[in-house]
Amino acid sequence: MGDCLFCKIVDKKIPTAVVYEDDHTLAFDDINPQAPVHTLVIPKRHVDSVHVLDAKDEALLGRLLVSCNQVAGLKGLTAAGFRLVTNAGKDGGQTVPHLHFHVMGGRRMTWPPG
């Protein structure tokens, strides 16, 4: 998508320090972290949000979750735990219209989140 911020990161038009990458996903640290560790995991293929996924996207969704787990391990979060979040739509708090997961940790998370 032409104006998509995350697609520009995938296409290397906007530089970022890559935390993790495979054939289908890319991870990088959030520029406005809400926890000591706050990394975003995105599909390389543009998908607007989780609410547009269907059965044909099962493999991609599985890959995204595995990538989130890889990031948690790389960031040293697996022993103590971490929070995994995706926001859908404006009322859900989604600010970039490209599916992404937040891998957050490094401190005790509270509930409810917001």
C-alpha atoms as a PDB file:
ATOM      1  CA  MET A   1       0.000   0.000   0.000  1.00  0.00           C
ATOM      2  CA  GLY A   2       1.492   3.295  -1.104  1.00  0.00           C
ATOM      3  CA  ASP A   3       1.107   5.397   2.045  1.00  0.00           C
ATOM      4  CA  CYS A   4       1.336   2.634   4.649  1.00  0.00           C
ATOM      5  CA  LEU A   5       4.054   3.419   7.191  1.00  0.00           C
ATOM      6  CA  PHE A   6       4.784  -0.232   7.937  1.00  0.00           C
ATOM      7  CA  CYS A   7       4.875  -1.194   4.245  1.00  0.00           C
ATOM      8  CA  LYS A   8       7.522   1.518   3.788  1.00  0.00           C
ATOM      9  CA  ILE A   9       9.525  -0.077   6.612  1.00  0.00           C
ATOM     10  CA  VAL A  10       9.195  -3.513   4.968  1.00  0.00           C
ATOM     11  CA  ASP A  11      10.314  -2.008   1.641  1.00  0.00           C
ATOM     12  CA  LYS A  12      13.334  -0.363   3.379  1.00  0.00           C
ATOM     13  CA  LYS A  13      12.085   3.116   2.405  1.00  0.00           C
ATOM     14  CA  ILE A  14      12.071   4.028   6.091  1.00  0.00           C
ATOM     15  CA  PRO A  15      15.088   2.713   7.977  1.00  0.00           C
ATOM     16  CA  THR A  16      14.619   0.822  11.225  1.00  0.00           C
ATOM     17  CA  ALA A  17      16.715  -1.463  13.368  1.00  0.00           C
ATOM     18  CA  VAL A  18      15.342  -4.938  12.721  1.00  0.00           C
ATOM     19  CA  VAL A  19      14.913  -7.118  15.813  1.00  0.00           C
ATOM     20  CA  TYR A  20      13.747 -10.220  13.926  1.00  0.00           C
ATOM     21  CA  GLU A  21      12.937 -11.085  10.325  1.00  0.00           C
ATOM     22  CA  ASP A  22      11.870 -14.114   8.337  1.00  0.00           C
ATOM     23  CA  ASP A  23      10.265 -14.596   4.936  1.00  0.00           C
ATOM     24  CA  HIS A  24       6.837 -13.429   6.124  1.00  0.00           C
ATOM     25  CA  THR A  25       7.330 -11.215   9.189  1.00  0.00           C
ATOM     26  CA  LEU A  26       9.415  -8.300  10.411  1.00  0.00           C
ATOM     27  CA  ALA A  27       9.947  -7.043  13.974  1.00  0.00           C
ATOM     28  CA  PHE A  28      11.292  -3.722  15.200  1.00  0.00           C
ATOM     29  CA  ASP A  29      11.132  -1.709  18.416  1.00  0.00           C
ATOM     30  CA  ASP A  30       8.214   0.674  18.914  1.00  0.00           C
ATOM     31  CA  ILE A  31       9.219   4.346  18.636  1.00  0.00           C
ATOM     32  CA  ASN A  32       6.877   5.188  21.538  1.00  0.00           C
ATOM     33  CA  PRO A  33       7.469   2.317  23.975  1.00  0.00           C
ATOM     34  CA  GLN A  34       4.891   1.657  26.680  1.00  0.00           C
ATOM     35  CA  ALA A  35       7.085  -0.842  28.541  1.00  0.00           C
ATOM     36  CA  PRO A  36      10.831  -1.408  28.959  1.00  0.00           C
ATOM     37  CA  VAL A  37      10.575  -3.850  26.043  1.00  0.00           C
ATOM     38  CA  HIS A  38       8.062  -2.943  23.334  1.00  0.00           C
ATOM     39  CA  THR A  39       8.600  -4.522  19.928  1.00  0.00           C
ATOM     40  CA  LEU A  40       6.200  -4.597  16.978  1.00  0.00           C
ATOM     41  CA  VAL A  41       5.795  -7.706  14.838  1.00  0.00           C
ATOM     42  CA  ILE A  42       4.187  -7.182  11.423  1.00  0.00           C
ATOM     43  CA  PRO A  43       3.419  -9.273   8.365  1.00  0.00           C
ATOM     44  CA  LYS A  44       5.476  -8.246   5.348  1.00  0.00           C
ATOM     45  CA  ARG A  45       2.316  -8.508   3.261  1.00  0.00           C
ATOM     46  CA  HIS A  46      -0.083  -5.651   3.868  1.00  0.00           C
ATOM     47  CA  VAL A  47      -3.094  -6.637   5.946  1.00  0.00           C
ATOM     48  CA  ASP A  48      -5.207  -3.777   7.316  1.00  0.00           C
ATOM     49  CA  SER A  49      -6.107  -5.316  10.665  1.00  0.00           C
ATOM     50  CA  VAL A  50      -6.941  -8.542  12.446  1.00  0.00           C
ATOM     51  CA  HIS A  51     -10.633  -8.054  11.624  1.00  0.00           C
ATOM     52  CA  VAL A  52     -10.037  -8.699   7.901  1.00  0.00           C
ATOM     53  CA  LEU A  53      -8.364 -12.079   8.426  1.00  0.00           C
ATOM     54  CA  ASP A  54     -10.161 -15.236   7.356  1.00  0.00           C
ATOM     55  CA  ALA A  55      -9.405 -18.933   6.826  1.00  0.00           C
ATOM     56  CA  LYS A  56      -6.915 -18.237   3.999  1.00  0.00           C
ATOM     57  CA  ASP A  57      -4.779 -16.302   6.498  1.00  0.00           C
ATOM     58  CA  GLU A  58      -4.342 -19.115   9.047  1.00  0.00           C
ATOM     59  CA  ALA A  59      -0.729 -19.807   8.048  1.00  0.00           C
ATOM     60  CA  LEU A  60       0.195 -16.126   8.234  1.00  0.00           C
ATOM     61  CA  LEU A  61      -1.421 -15.721  11.635  1.00  0.00           C
ATOM     62  CA  GLY A  62       0.428 -18.781  12.923  1.00  0.00           C
ATOM     63  CA  ARG A  63       3.704 -17.407  11.545  1.00  0.00           C
ATOM     64  CA  LEU A  64       3.049 -14.062  13.258  1.00  0.00           C
ATOM     65  CA  LEU A  65       2.499 -15.747  16.621  1.00  0.00           C
ATOM     66  CA  VAL A  66       5.649 -17.833  16.245  1.00  0.00           C
ATOM     67  CA  SER A  67       7.558 -14.654  15.331  1.00  0.00           C
ATOM     68  CA  CYS A  68       6.184 -12.928  18.441  1.00  0.00           C
ATOM     69  CA  ASN A  69       7.484 -15.814  20.530  1.00  0.00           C
ATOM     70  CA  GLN A  70      10.880 -15.568  18.811  1.00  0.00           C
ATOM     71  CA  VAL A  71      11.020 -11.852  19.627  1.00  0.00           C
ATOM     72  CA  ALA A  72      10.081 -12.512  23.255  1.00  0.00           C
ATOM     73  CA  GLY A  73      12.960 -14.975  23.461  1.00  0.00           C
ATOM     74  CA  LEU A  74      15.434 -12.611  21.808  1.00  0.00           C
ATOM     75  CA  LYS A  75      14.379  -9.853  24.216  1.00  0.00           C
ATOM     76  CA  GLY A  76      14.727 -12.105  27.281  1.00  0.00           C
ATOM     77  CA  LEU A  77      11.032 -12.090  28.165  1.00  0.00           C
ATOM     78  CA  THR A  78      10.066 -15.758  28.140  1.00  0.00           C
ATOM     79  CA  ALA A  79      11.090 -16.609  31.720  1.00  0.00           C
ATOM     80  CA  ALA A  80       9.205 -13.752  33.424  1.00  0.00           C
ATOM     81  CA  GLY A  81       6.424 -13.435  30.851  1.00  0.00           C
ATOM     82  CA  PHE A  82       5.219 -10.837  28.405  1.00  0.00           C
ATOM     83  CA  ARG A  83       2.079  -9.280  26.982  1.00  0.00           C
ATOM     84  CA  LEU A  84       1.018  -9.790  23.362  1.00  0.00           C
ATOM     85  CA  VAL A  85      -1.498  -7.254  22.000  1.00  0.00           C
ATOM     86  CA  THR A  86      -3.087  -6.403  18.693  1.00  0.00           C
ATOM     87  CA  ASN A  87      -5.511  -3.522  18.303  1.00  0.00           C
ATOM     88  CA  ALA A  88      -8.327  -3.499  15.740  1.00  0.00           C
ATOM     89  CA  GLY A  89      -9.863  -0.319  14.415  1.00  0.00           C
ATOM     90  CA  LYS A  90     -10.063   3.182  15.801  1.00  0.00           C
ATOM     91  CA  ASP A  91     -11.989   2.311  18.974  1.00  0.00           C
ATOM     92  CA  GLY A  92      -9.622  -0.587  19.589  1.00  0.00           C
ATOM     93  CA  GLY A  93      -6.670   1.798  19.596  1.00  0.00           C
ATOM     94  CA  GLN A  94      -5.180   0.876  16.215  1.00  0.00           C
ATOM     95  CA  THR A  95      -3.170   3.867  14.988  1.00  0.00           C
ATOM     96  CA  VAL A  96      -1.400   2.312  11.979  1.00  0.00           C
ATOM     97  CA  PRO A  97      -3.691   0.502   9.509  1.00  0.00           C
ATOM     98  CA  HIS A  98      -1.362  -2.487   9.048  1.00  0.00           C
ATOM     99  CA  LEU A  99      -1.798  -5.577  11.211  1.00  0.00           C
ATOM    100  CA  HIS A 100       0.766  -5.634  13.987  1.00  0.00           C
ATOM    101  CA  PHE A 101       1.355  -7.273  17.330  1.00  0.00           C
ATOM    102  CA  HIS A 102       2.922  -5.527  20.307  1.00  0.00           C
ATOM    103  CA  VAL A 103       5.335  -7.735  22.288  1.00  0.00           C
ATOM    104  CA  MET A 104       5.678  -5.972  25.624  1.00  0.00           C
ATOM    105  CA  GLY A 105       7.514  -6.851  28.805  1.00  0.00           C
ATOM    106  CA  GLY A 106      10.327  -6.065  31.168  1.00  0.00           C
ATOM    107  CA  ARG A 107       7.931  -5.130  33.973  1.00  0.00           C
ATOM    108  CA  ARG A 108       4.750  -6.471  35.566  1.00  0.00           C
ATOM    109  CA  MET A 109       1.769  -5.710  33.373  1.00  0.00           C
ATOM    110  CA  THR A 110      -1.459  -4.520  34.959  1.00  0.00           C
ATOM    111  CA  TRP A 111      -5.036  -5.397  34.073  1.00  0.00           C
ATOM    112  CA  PRO A 112      -7.219  -3.968  32.699  1.00  0.00           C
ATOM    113  CA  PRO A 113      -4.795  -2.387  30.230  1.00  0.00           C
ATOM    114  CA  GLY A 114      -6.723   0.742  29.344  1.00  0.00           C
END
